[in-house]
Amino acid sequence: MGKHQLGEFEEVVMLTVAILHGDAYGFSIIAEIENRLNRSVSIGSVQTVLQRLEKKGYLESHLGEATAVRGGKRKRYFKVTNLGKSVLEETKDQRMSLWSAIPKVAWDE
């Protein structure tokens, strides 16, 4: 096992941030997860994971411009760091290693 490990929801959030490249903020991340995975998620759970991933150095964020639509509030945008990309690639390799190790006979039962 690698030195970095992601929980399943952490992996989903990081992959979604990468998919949304440049437009990844709380509600866009939720909408993308719900649309792609048909899975309901709360803003609180997403915000908690975003903060944890940023603290680990896997994501970084910046504040966007204030908009009238949001009552002058600014969106916090996230992107995957180089370390985060490496962790995602390591996670993918681990998953693919497991999938490729399943003997064909396991599916024939």
PDB file of N, CA and C in Angstrom:
ATOM      1  N   MET A   1       0.819  -1.178   0.000  1.00  0.00           N
ATOM      2  CA  MET A   1       0.000   0.000   0.000  1.00  0.00           C
ATOM      3  C   MET A   1       0.867   1.247   0.000  1.00  0.00           C
ATOM      4  N   GLY A   2       0.411   2.274  -0.671  1.00  0.00           N
ATOM      5  CA  GLY A   2       1.152   3.518  -0.746  1.00  0.00           C
ATOM      6  C   GLY A   2       1.124   4.276   0.568  1.00  0.00           C
ATOM      7  N   LYS A   3       1.895   5.325   0.620  1.00  0.00           N
ATOM      8  CA  LYS A   3       1.942   6.085   1.873  1.00  0.00           C
ATOM      9  C   LYS A   3       0.740   7.007   2.034  1.00  0.00           C
ATOM     10  N   HIS A   4       0.041   7.276   0.926  1.00  0.00           N
ATOM     11  CA  HIS A   4      -1.154   8.117   0.980  1.00  0.00           C
ATOM     12  C   HIS A   4      -2.381   7.248   0.758  1.00  0.00           C
ATOM     13  N   GLN A   5      -3.390   7.473   1.575  1.00  0.00           N
ATOM     14  CA  GLN A   5      -4.633   6.732   1.419  1.00  0.00           C
ATOM     15  C   GLN A   5      -5.796   7.702   1.409  1.00  0.00           C
ATOM     16  N   LEU A   6      -6.744   7.442   0.524  1.00  0.00           N
ATOM     17  CA  LEU A   6      -7.954   8.250   0.431  1.00  0.00           C
ATOM     18  C   LEU A   6      -9.150   7.413   0.826  1.00  0.00           C
ATOM     19  N   GLY A   7     -10.058   8.019   1.563  1.00  0.00           N
ATOM     20  CA  GLY A   7     -11.342   7.394   1.786  1.00  0.00           C
ATOM     21  C   GLY A   7     -12.146   7.475   0.501  1.00  0.00           C
ATOM     22  N   GLU A   8     -13.185   6.669   0.400  1.00  0.00           N
ATOM     23  CA  GLU A   8     -13.984   6.618  -0.825  1.00  0.00           C
ATOM     24  C   GLU A   8     -14.586   7.979  -1.153  1.00  0.00           C
ATOM     25  N   PHE A   9     -15.155   8.675  -0.177  1.00  0.00           N
ATOM     26  CA  PHE A   9     -15.771   9.972  -0.444  1.00  0.00           C
ATOM     27  C   PHE A   9     -14.710  11.029  -0.765  1.00  0.00           C
ATOM     28  N   GLU A  10     -13.549  10.944  -0.127  1.00  0.00           N
ATOM     29  CA  GLU A  10     -12.450  11.854  -0.459  1.00  0.00           C
ATOM     30  C   GLU A  10     -12.053  11.685  -1.931  1.00  0.00           C
ATOM     31  N   GLU A  11     -11.963  10.438  -2.358  1.00  0.00           N
ATOM     32  CA  GLU A  11     -11.605  10.159  -3.753  1.00  0.00           C
ATOM     33  C   GLU A  11     -12.658  10.731  -4.701  1.00  0.00           C
ATOM     34  N   VAL A  12     -13.923  10.521  -4.387  1.00  0.00           N
ATOM     35  CA  VAL A  12     -15.010  11.046  -5.218  1.00  0.00           C
ATOM     36  C   VAL A  12     -14.933  12.567  -5.304  1.00  0.00           C
ATOM     37  N   VAL A  13     -14.722  13.228  -4.182  1.00  0.00           N
ATOM     38  CA  VAL A  13     -14.646  14.694  -4.177  1.00  0.00           C
ATOM     39  C   VAL A  13     -13.440  15.171  -4.988  1.00  0.00           C
ATOM     40  N   MET A  14     -12.296  14.551  -4.808  1.00  0.00           N
ATOM     41  CA  MET A  14     -11.107  14.968  -5.562  1.00  0.00           C
ATOM     42  C   MET A  14     -11.288  14.758  -7.057  1.00  0.00           C
ATOM     43  N   LEU A  15     -11.849  13.625  -7.448  1.00  0.00           N
ATOM     44  CA  LEU A  15     -12.098  13.374  -8.867  1.00  0.00           C
ATOM     45  C   LEU A  15     -13.075  14.399  -9.431  1.00  0.00           C
ATOM     46  N   THR A  16     -14.071  14.756  -8.647  1.00  0.00           N
ATOM     47  CA  THR A  16     -15.054  15.749  -9.090  1.00  0.00           C
ATOM     48  C   THR A  16     -14.421  17.119  -9.239  1.00  0.00           C
ATOM     49  N   VAL A  17     -13.557  17.490  -8.306  1.00  0.00           N
ATOM     50  CA  VAL A  17     -12.830  18.759  -8.427  1.00  0.00           C
ATOM     51  C   VAL A  17     -12.023  18.761  -9.730  1.00  0.00           C
ATOM     52  N   ALA A  18     -11.378  17.660 -10.044  1.00  0.00           N
ATOM     53  CA  ALA A  18     -10.601  17.570 -11.286  1.00  0.00           C
ATOM     54  C   ALA A  18     -11.513  17.672 -12.511  1.00  0.00           C
ATOM     55  N   ILE A  19     -12.659  17.013 -12.475  1.00  0.00           N
ATOM     56  CA  ILE A  19     -13.609  17.068 -13.585  1.00  0.00           C
ATOM     57  C   ILE A  19     -14.073  18.501 -13.826  1.00  0.00           C
ATOM     58  N   LEU A  20     -14.335  19.229 -12.756  1.00  0.00           N
ATOM     59  CA  LEU A  20     -14.858  20.595 -12.850  1.00  0.00           C
ATOM     60  C   LEU A  20     -13.769  21.637 -13.098  1.00  0.00           C
ATOM     61  N   HIS A  21     -12.577  21.216 -13.298  1.00  0.00           N
ATOM     62  CA  HIS A  21     -11.397  22.048 -13.522  1.00  0.00           C
ATOM     63  C   HIS A  21     -11.740  23.529 -13.748  1.00  0.00           C
ATOM     64  N   GLY A  22     -11.450  24.340 -12.753  1.00  0.00           N
ATOM     65  CA  GLY A  22     -11.675  25.777 -12.858  1.00  0.00           C
ATOM     66  C   GLY A  22     -13.032  26.245 -12.361  1.00  0.00           C
ATOM     67  N   ASP A  23     -13.963  25.331 -12.173  1.00  0.00           N
ATOM     68  CA  ASP A  23     -15.302  25.708 -11.721  1.00  0.00           C
ATOM     69  C   ASP A  23     -15.760  24.844 -10.545  1.00  0.00           C
ATOM     70  N   ALA A  24     -14.818  24.417  -9.722  1.00  0.00           N
ATOM     71  CA  ALA A  24     -15.126  23.526  -8.605  1.00  0.00           C
ATOM     72  C   ALA A  24     -15.303  24.329  -7.322  1.00  0.00           C
ATOM     73  N   TYR A  25     -16.547  24.512  -6.919  1.00  0.00           N
ATOM     74  CA  TYR A  25     -16.880  25.137  -5.640  1.00  0.00           C
ATOM     75  C   TYR A  25     -17.992  24.297  -5.025  1.00  0.00           C
ATOM     76  N   GLY A  26     -18.326  24.541  -3.777  1.00  0.00           N
ATOM     77  CA  GLY A  26     -19.241  23.685  -3.027  1.00  0.00           C
ATOM     78  C   GLY A  26     -20.432  23.142  -3.790  1.00  0.00           C
ATOM     79  N   PHE A  27     -21.293  24.036  -4.293  1.00  0.00           N
ATOM     80  CA  PHE A  27     -22.521  23.566  -4.923  1.00  0.00           C
ATOM     81  C   PHE A  27     -22.288  22.930  -6.286  1.00  0.00           C
ATOM     82  N   SER A  28     -21.269  23.378  -7.030  1.00  0.00           N
ATOM     83  CA  SER A  28     -20.998  22.730  -8.319  1.00  0.00           C
ATOM     84  C   SER A  28     -20.474  21.309  -8.094  1.00  0.00           C
ATOM     85  N   ILE A  29     -19.715  21.116  -7.024  1.00  0.00           N
ATOM     86  CA  ILE A  29     -19.205  19.783  -6.692  1.00  0.00           C
ATOM     87  C   ILE A  29     -20.368  18.867  -6.327  1.00  0.00           C
ATOM     88  N   ILE A  30     -21.291  19.368  -5.507  1.00  0.00           N
ATOM     89  CA  ILE A  30     -22.456  18.579  -5.119  1.00  0.00           C
ATOM     90  C   ILE A  30     -23.278  18.199  -6.343  1.00  0.00           C
ATOM     91  N   ALA A  31     -23.552  19.170  -7.207  1.00  0.00           N
ATOM     92  CA  ALA A  31     -24.367  18.908  -8.403  1.00  0.00           C
ATOM     93  C   ALA A  31     -23.714  17.859  -9.295  1.00  0.00           C
ATOM     94  N   GLU A  32     -22.406  17.949  -9.450  1.00  0.00           N
ATOM     95  CA  GLU A  32     -21.683  16.999 -10.307  1.00  0.00           C
ATOM     96  C   GLU A  32     -21.725  15.589  -9.720  1.00  0.00           C
ATOM     97  N   ILE A  33     -21.506  15.470  -8.421  1.00  0.00           N
ATOM     98  CA  ILE A  33     -21.565  14.153  -7.769  1.00  0.00           C
ATOM     99  C   ILE A  33     -22.964  13.573  -7.896  1.00  0.00           C
ATOM    100  N   GLU A  34     -23.975  14.379  -7.596  1.00  0.00           N
ATOM    101  CA  GLU A  34     -25.358  13.887  -7.660  1.00  0.00           C
ATOM    102  C   GLU A  34     -25.736  13.487  -9.078  1.00  0.00           C
ATOM    103  N   ASN A  35     -25.283  14.250 -10.064  1.00  0.00           N
ATOM    104  CA  ASN A  35     -25.598  13.958 -11.455  1.00  0.00           C
ATOM    105  C   ASN A  35     -24.878  12.709 -11.953  1.00  0.00           C
ATOM    106  N   ARG A  36     -23.597  12.624 -11.685  1.00  0.00           N
ATOM    107  CA  ARG A  36     -22.809  11.500 -12.204  1.00  0.00           C
ATOM    108  C   ARG A  36     -23.026  10.198 -11.450  1.00  0.00           C
ATOM    109  N   LEU A  37     -23.203  10.283 -10.133  1.00  0.00           N
ATOM    110  CA  LEU A  37     -23.268   9.061  -9.316  1.00  0.00           C
ATOM    111  C   LEU A  37     -24.666   8.763  -8.784  1.00  0.00           C
ATOM    112  N   ASN A  38     -25.616   9.653  -9.088  1.00  0.00           N
ATOM    113  CA  ASN A  38     -26.972   9.483  -8.571  1.00  0.00           C
ATOM    114  C   ASN A  38     -26.927   9.248  -7.064  1.00  0.00           C
ATOM    115  N   ARG A  39     -26.186  10.110  -6.397  1.00  0.00           N
ATOM    116  CA  ARG A  39     -25.906   9.973  -4.968  1.00  0.00           C
ATOM    117  C   ARG A  39     -26.137  11.321  -4.307  1.00  0.00           C
ATOM    118  N   SER A  40     -26.952  11.349  -3.296  1.00  0.00           N
ATOM    119  CA  SER A  40     -27.245  12.588  -2.579  1.00  0.00           C
ATOM    120  C   SER A  40     -26.140  12.879  -1.566  1.00  0.00           C
ATOM    121  N   VAL A  41     -25.651  14.125  -1.575  1.00  0.00           N
ATOM    122  CA  VAL A  41     -24.619  14.528  -0.623  1.00  0.00           C
ATOM    123  C   VAL A  41     -24.992  15.882  -0.026  1.00  0.00           C
ATOM    124  N   SER A  42     -24.547  16.128   1.185  1.00  0.00           N
ATOM    125  CA  SER A  42     -24.853  17.393   1.856  1.00  0.00           C
ATOM    126  C   SER A  42     -23.699  18.370   1.698  1.00  0.00           C
ATOM    127  N   ILE A  43     -24.023  19.650   1.772  1.00  0.00           N
ATOM    128  CA  ILE A  43     -22.992  20.680   1.679  1.00  0.00           C
ATOM    129  C   ILE A  43     -22.010  20.557   2.847  1.00  0.00           C
ATOM    130  N   GLY A  44     -22.512  20.180   4.014  1.00  0.00           N
ATOM    131  CA  GLY A  44     -21.640  20.027   5.180  1.00  0.00           C
ATOM    132  C   GLY A  44     -20.599  18.943   4.991  1.00  0.00           C
ATOM    133  N   SER A  45     -21.011  17.803   4.434  1.00  0.00           N
ATOM    134  CA  SER A  45     -20.054  16.712   4.230  1.00  0.00           C
ATOM    135  C   SER A  45     -19.020  17.087   3.178  1.00  0.00           C
ATOM    136  N   VAL A  46     -19.453  17.783   2.131  1.00  0.00           N
ATOM    137  CA  VAL A  46     -18.514  18.200   1.092  1.00  0.00           C
ATOM    138  C   VAL A  46     -17.536  19.232   1.650  1.00  0.00           C
ATOM    139  N   GLN A  47     -18.030  20.204   2.390  1.00  0.00           N
ATOM    140  CA  GLN A  47     -17.147  21.230   2.952  1.00  0.00           C
ATOM    141  C   GLN A  47     -16.124  20.627   3.910  1.00  0.00           C
ATOM    142  N   THR A  48     -16.556  19.675   4.716  1.00  0.00           N
ATOM    143  CA  THR A  48     -15.642  19.011   5.649  1.00  0.00           C
ATOM    144  C   THR A  48     -14.523  18.302   4.896  1.00  0.00           C
ATOM    145  N   VAL A  49     -14.875  17.577   3.852  1.00  0.00           N
ATOM    146  CA  VAL A  49     -13.878  16.839   3.075  1.00  0.00           C
ATOM    147  C   VAL A  49     -12.959  17.806   2.321  1.00  0.00           C
ATOM    148  N   LEU A  50     -13.521  18.873   1.762  1.00  0.00           N
ATOM    149  CA  LEU A  50     -12.690  19.856   1.062  1.00  0.00           C
ATOM    150  C   LEU A  50     -11.645  20.453   2.004  1.00  0.00           C
ATOM    151  N   GLN A  51     -12.063  20.802   3.199  1.00  0.00           N
ATOM    152  CA  GLN A  51     -11.124  21.371   4.184  1.00  0.00           C
ATOM    153  C   GLN A  51     -10.047  20.358   4.560  1.00  0.00           C
ATOM    154  N   ARG A  52     -10.448  19.100   4.770  1.00  0.00           N
ATOM    155  CA  ARG A  52      -9.485  18.065   5.146  1.00  0.00           C
ATOM    156  C   ARG A  52      -8.477  17.830   4.013  1.00  0.00           C
ATOM    157  N   LEU A  53      -8.961  17.776   2.766  1.00  0.00           N
ATOM    158  CA  LEU A  53      -8.074  17.542   1.626  1.00  0.00           C
ATOM    159  C   LEU A  53      -7.135  18.717   1.392  1.00  0.00           C
ATOM    160  N   GLU A  54      -7.627  19.924   1.658  1.00  0.00           N
ATOM    161  CA  GLU A  54      -6.759  21.095   1.522  1.00  0.00           C
ATOM    162  C   GLU A  54      -5.676  21.082   2.605  1.00  0.00           C
ATOM    163  N   LYS A  55      -6.050  20.699   3.808  1.00  0.00           N
ATOM    164  CA  LYS A  55      -5.082  20.626   4.904  1.00  0.00           C
ATOM    165  C   LYS A  55      -3.994  19.580   4.612  1.00  0.00           C
ATOM    166  N   LYS A  56      -4.367  18.483   3.944  1.00  0.00           N
ATOM    167  CA  LYS A  56      -3.406  17.443   3.575  1.00  0.00           C
ATOM    168  C   LYS A  56      -2.524  17.875   2.406  1.00  0.00           C
ATOM    169  N   GLY A  57      -2.895  18.958   1.733  1.00  0.00           N
ATOM    170  CA  GLY A  57      -2.121  19.432   0.592  1.00  0.00           C
ATOM    171  C   GLY A  57      -2.550  18.837  -0.735  1.00  0.00           C
ATOM    172  N   TYR A  58      -3.674  18.127  -0.773  1.00  0.00           N
ATOM    173  CA  TYR A  58      -4.153  17.492  -2.001  1.00  0.00           C
ATOM    174  C   TYR A  58      -4.963  18.461  -2.856  1.00  0.00           C
ATOM    175  N   LEU A  59      -5.544  19.477  -2.228  1.00  0.00           N
ATOM    176  CA  LEU A  59      -6.302  20.513  -2.921  1.00  0.00           C
ATOM    177  C   LEU A  59      -5.781  21.868  -2.479  1.00  0.00           C
ATOM    178  N   GLU A  60      -6.014  22.880  -3.313  1.00  0.00           N
ATOM    179  CA  GLU A  60      -5.785  24.263  -2.905  1.00  0.00           C
ATOM    180  C   GLU A  60      -6.992  25.069  -3.354  1.00  0.00           C
ATOM    181  N   SER A  61      -7.190  26.215  -2.717  1.00  0.00           N
ATOM    182  CA  SER A  61      -8.376  27.003  -3.037  1.00  0.00           C
ATOM    183  C   SER A  61      -8.038  28.477  -3.151  1.00  0.00           C
ATOM    184  N   HIS A  62      -8.955  29.184  -3.761  1.00  0.00           N
ATOM    185  CA  HIS A  62      -8.883  30.646  -3.824  1.00  0.00           C
ATOM    186  C   HIS A  62     -10.314  31.189  -3.863  1.00  0.00           C
ATOM    187  N   LEU A  63     -10.468  32.418  -3.439  1.00  0.00           N
ATOM    188  CA  LEU A  63     -11.781  33.059  -3.454  1.00  0.00           C
ATOM    189  C   LEU A  63     -12.009  33.745  -4.786  1.00  0.00           C
ATOM    190  N   GLY A  64     -13.215  33.552  -5.337  1.00  0.00           N
ATOM    191  CA  GLY A  64     -13.603  34.225  -6.570  1.00  0.00           C
ATOM    192  C   GLY A  64     -14.126  35.617  -6.259  1.00  0.00           C
ATOM    193  N   GLU A  65     -14.615  36.276  -7.278  1.00  0.00           N
ATOM    194  CA  GLU A  65     -15.168  37.618  -7.133  1.00  0.00           C
ATOM    195  C   GLU A  65     -16.527  37.570  -6.449  1.00  0.00           C
ATOM    196  N   ALA A  66     -16.860  38.618  -5.729  1.00  0.00           N
ATOM    197  CA  ALA A  66     -18.182  38.749  -5.113  1.00  0.00           C
ATOM    198  C   ALA A  66     -19.211  38.991  -6.212  1.00  0.00           C
ATOM    199  N   THR A  67     -20.390  38.380  -6.039  1.00  0.00           N
ATOM    200  CA  THR A  67     -21.451  38.567  -7.032  1.00  0.00           C
ATOM    201  C   THR A  67     -22.739  38.993  -6.342  1.00  0.00           C
ATOM    202  N   ALA A  68     -23.557  39.766  -7.057  1.00  0.00           N
ATOM    203  CA  ALA A  68     -24.845  40.220  -6.518  1.00  0.00           C
ATOM    204  C   ALA A  68     -25.771  39.038  -6.292  1.00  0.00           C
ATOM    205  N   VAL A  69     -25.667  38.021  -7.150  1.00  0.00           N
ATOM    206  CA  VAL A  69     -26.523  36.833  -7.034  1.00  0.00           C
ATOM    207  C   VAL A  69     -26.325  36.163  -5.677  1.00  0.00           C
ATOM    208  N   ARG A  70     -25.125  36.220  -5.157  1.00  0.00           N
ATOM    209  CA  ARG A  70     -24.819  35.589  -3.873  1.00  0.00           C
ATOM    210  C   ARG A  70     -24.830  36.609  -2.734  1.00  0.00           C
ATOM    211  N   GLY A  71     -25.446  37.731  -2.953  1.00  0.00           N
ATOM    212  CA  GLY A  71     -25.509  38.750  -1.908  1.00  0.00           C
ATOM    213  C   GLY A  71     -24.147  39.314  -1.553  1.00  0.00           C
ATOM    214  N   GLY A  72     -23.262  39.373  -2.521  1.00  0.00           N
ATOM    215  CA  GLY A  72     -21.926  39.907  -2.288  1.00  0.00           C
ATOM    216  C   GLY A  72     -20.928  38.895  -1.756  1.00  0.00           C
ATOM    217  N   LYS A  73     -21.374  37.656  -1.528  1.00  0.00           N
ATOM    218  CA  LYS A  73     -20.454  36.622  -1.032  1.00  0.00           C
ATOM    219  C   LYS A  73     -19.616  36.070  -2.170  1.00  0.00           C
ATOM    220  N   ARG A  74     -18.409  35.664  -1.833  1.00  0.00           N
ATOM    221  CA  ARG A  74     -17.480  35.102  -2.810  1.00  0.00           C
ATOM    222  C   ARG A  74     -17.480  33.580  -2.736  1.00  0.00           C
ATOM    223  N   LYS A  75     -17.333  32.931  -3.886  1.00  0.00           N
ATOM    224  CA  LYS A  75     -17.216  31.475  -3.935  1.00  0.00           C
ATOM    225  C   LYS A  75     -15.768  31.086  -3.677  1.00  0.00           C
ATOM    226  N   ARG A  76     -15.587  29.965  -2.997  1.00  0.00           N
ATOM    227  CA  ARG A  76     -14.247  29.403  -2.811  1.00  0.00           C
ATOM    228  C   ARG A  76     -14.077  28.290  -3.846  1.00  0.00           C
ATOM    229  N   TYR A  77     -13.135  28.484  -4.751  1.00  0.00           N
ATOM    230  CA  TYR A  77     -12.860  27.525  -5.815  1.00  0.00           C
ATOM    231  C   TYR A  77     -11.694  26.626  -5.425  1.00  0.00           C
ATOM    232  N   PHE A  78     -11.802  25.357  -5.802  1.00  0.00           N
ATOM    233  CA  PHE A  78     -10.783  24.364  -5.462  1.00  0.00           C
ATOM    234  C   PHE A  78     -10.155  23.788  -6.719  1.00  0.00           C
ATOM    235  N   LYS A  79      -8.887  23.388  -6.584  1.00  0.00           N
ATOM    236  CA  LYS A  79      -8.221  22.647  -7.650  1.00  0.00           C
ATOM    237  C   LYS A  79      -7.294  21.615  -7.025  1.00  0.00           C
ATOM    238  N   VAL A  80      -7.028  20.574  -7.787  1.00  0.00           N
ATOM    239  CA  VAL A  80      -6.155  19.491  -7.340  1.00  0.00           C
ATOM    240  C   VAL A  80      -4.702  19.954  -7.473  1.00  0.00           C
ATOM    241  N   THR A  81      -3.916  19.744  -6.431  1.00  0.00           N
ATOM    242  CA  THR A  81      -2.490  20.077  -6.457  1.00  0.00           C
ATOM    243  C   THR A  81      -1.713  18.949  -7.134  1.00  0.00           C
ATOM    244  N   ASN A  82      -0.432  19.177  -7.366  1.00  0.00           N
ATOM    245  CA  ASN A  82       0.412  18.118  -7.922  1.00  0.00           C
ATOM    246  C   ASN A  82       0.465  16.914  -6.989  1.00  0.00           C
ATOM    247  N   LEU A  83       0.545  17.172  -5.677  1.00  0.00           N
ATOM    248  CA  LEU A  83       0.519  16.072  -4.712  1.00  0.00           C
ATOM    249  C   LEU A  83      -0.814  15.328  -4.806  1.00  0.00           C
ATOM    250  N   GLY A  84      -1.909  16.067  -4.902  1.00  0.00           N
ATOM    251  CA  GLY A  84      -3.229  15.450  -5.035  1.00  0.00           C
ATOM    252  C   GLY A  84      -3.328  14.588  -6.277  1.00  0.00           C
ATOM    253  N   LYS A  85      -2.772  15.067  -7.375  1.00  0.00           N
ATOM    254  CA  LYS A  85      -2.779  14.284  -8.622  1.00  0.00           C
ATOM    255  C   LYS A  85      -2.014  12.982  -8.413  1.00  0.00           C
ATOM    256  N   SER A  86      -0.873  13.058  -7.762  1.00  0.00           N
ATOM    257  CA  SER A  86      -0.076  11.847  -7.491  1.00  0.00           C
ATOM    258  C   SER A  86      -0.849  10.862  -6.624  1.00  0.00           C
ATOM    259  N   VAL A  87      -1.542  11.386  -5.616  1.00  0.00           N
ATOM    260  CA  VAL A  87      -2.326  10.523  -4.723  1.00  0.00           C
ATOM    261  C   VAL A  87      -3.467   9.861  -5.497  1.00  0.00           C
ATOM    262  N   LEU A  88      -4.133  10.624  -6.368  1.00  0.00           N
ATOM    263  CA  LEU A  88      -5.212  10.040  -7.182  1.00  0.00           C
ATOM    264  C   LEU A  88      -4.667   8.958  -8.118  1.00  0.00           C
ATOM    265  N   GLU A  89      -3.518   9.201  -8.712  1.00  0.00           N
ATOM    266  CA  GLU A  89      -2.925   8.199  -9.602  1.00  0.00           C
ATOM    267  C   GLU A  89      -2.532   6.942  -8.834  1.00  0.00           C
ATOM    268  N   GLU A  90      -1.989   7.134  -7.635  1.00  0.00           N
ATOM    269  CA  GLU A  90      -1.622   5.991  -6.785  1.00  0.00           C
ATOM    270  C   GLU A  90      -2.873   5.195  -6.416  1.00  0.00           C
ATOM    271  N   THR A  91      -3.941   5.893  -6.077  1.00  0.00           N
ATOM    272  CA  THR A  91      -5.201   5.242  -5.720  1.00  0.00           C
ATOM    273  C   THR A  91      -5.759   4.466  -6.908  1.00  0.00           C
ATOM    274  N   LYS A  92      -5.714   5.077  -8.078  1.00  0.00           N
ATOM    275  CA  LYS A  92      -6.193   4.404  -9.297  1.00  0.00           C
ATOM    276  C   LYS A  92      -5.376   3.140  -9.553  1.00  0.00           C
ATOM    277  N   ASP A  93      -4.059   3.238  -9.443  1.00  0.00           N
ATOM    278  CA  ASP A  93      -3.192   2.074  -9.655  1.00  0.00           C
ATOM    279  C   ASP A  93      -3.519   0.955  -8.677  1.00  0.00           C
ATOM    280  N   GLN A  94      -3.762   1.312  -7.414  1.00  0.00           N
ATOM    281  CA  GLN A  94      -4.127   0.305  -6.412  1.00  0.00           C
ATOM    282  C   GLN A  94      -5.434  -0.386  -6.788  1.00  0.00           C
ATOM    283  N   ARG A  95      -6.420   0.400  -7.182  1.00  0.00           N
ATOM    284  CA  ARG A  95      -7.723  -0.165  -7.573  1.00  0.00           C
ATOM    285  C   ARG A  95      -7.589  -1.078  -8.795  1.00  0.00           C
ATOM    286  N   MET A  96      -6.839  -0.624  -9.796  1.00  0.00           N
ATOM    287  CA  MET A  96      -6.667  -1.421 -11.008  1.00  0.00           C
ATOM    288  C   MET A  96      -5.903  -2.713 -10.715  1.00  0.00           C
ATOM    289  N   SER A  97      -4.964  -2.642  -9.785  1.00  0.00           N
ATOM    290  CA  SER A  97      -4.229  -3.841  -9.391  1.00  0.00           C
ATOM    291  C   SER A  97      -5.173  -4.869  -8.775  1.00  0.00           C
ATOM    292  N   LEU A  98      -6.081  -4.393  -7.953  1.00  0.00           N
ATOM    293  CA  LEU A  98      -7.069  -5.298  -7.354  1.00  0.00           C
ATOM    294  C   LEU A  98      -8.003  -5.873  -8.413  1.00  0.00           C
ATOM    295  N   TRP A  99      -8.510  -5.028  -9.297  1.00  0.00           N
ATOM    296  CA  TRP A  99      -9.423  -5.498 -10.350  1.00  0.00           C
ATOM    297  C   TRP A  99      -8.739  -6.531 -11.243  1.00  0.00           C
ATOM    298  N   SER A 100      -7.498  -6.285 -11.604  1.00  0.00           N
ATOM    299  CA  SER A 100      -6.803  -7.201 -12.506  1.00  0.00           C
ATOM    300  C   SER A 100      -6.423  -8.510 -11.820  1.00  0.00           C
ATOM    301  N   ALA A 101      -6.427  -8.538 -10.497  1.00  0.00           N
ATOM    302  CA  ALA A 101      -6.076  -9.760  -9.765  1.00  0.00           C
ATOM    303  C   ALA A 101      -7.262 -10.716  -9.591  1.00  0.00           C
ATOM    304  N   ILE A 102      -8.467 -10.269  -9.932  1.00  0.00           N
ATOM    305  CA  ILE A 102      -9.642 -11.137  -9.798  1.00  0.00           C
ATOM    306  C   ILE A 102      -9.586 -12.210 -10.883  1.00  0.00           C
ATOM    307  N   PRO A 103      -9.573 -13.464 -10.487  1.00  0.00           N
ATOM    308  CA  PRO A 103      -9.540 -14.520 -11.503  1.00  0.00           C
ATOM    309  C   PRO A 103     -10.870 -14.568 -12.270  1.00  0.00           C
ATOM    310  N   LYS A 104     -10.791 -14.864 -13.553  1.00  0.00           N
ATOM    311  CA  LYS A 104     -11.987 -14.921 -14.387  1.00  0.00           C
ATOM    312  C   LYS A 104     -13.025 -15.866 -13.804  1.00  0.00           C
ATOM    313  N   VAL A 105     -12.578 -16.941 -13.204  1.00  0.00           N
ATOM    314  CA  VAL A 105     -13.485 -17.928 -12.645  1.00  0.00           C
ATOM    315  C   VAL A 105     -14.351 -17.330 -11.523  1.00  0.00           C
ATOM    316  N   ALA A 106     -13.872 -16.278 -10.884  1.00  0.00           N
ATOM    317  CA  ALA A 106     -14.644 -15.650  -9.799  1.00  0.00           C
ATOM    318  C   ALA A 106     -15.949 -15.057 -10.326  1.00  0.00           C
ATOM    319  N   TRP A 107     -15.960 -14.682 -11.575  1.00  0.00           N
ATOM    320  CA  TRP A 107     -17.177 -14.094 -12.167  1.00  0.00           C
ATOM    321  C   TRP A 107     -18.077 -15.144 -12.801  1.00  0.00           C
ATOM    322  N   ASP A 108     -17.588 -16.365 -12.951  1.00  0.00           N
ATOM    323  CA  ASP A 108     -18.337 -17.420 -13.631  1.00  0.00           C
ATOM    324  C   ASP A 108     -19.235 -18.215 -12.693  1.00  0.00           C
ATOM    325  N   GLU A 109     -19.215 -17.927 -11.426  1.00  0.00           N
ATOM    326  CA  GLU A 109     -19.989 -18.727 -10.477  1.00  0.00           C
ATOM    327  C   GLU A 109     -21.438 -18.327 -10.458  1.00  0.00           C
TER     328      GLU A 109
END
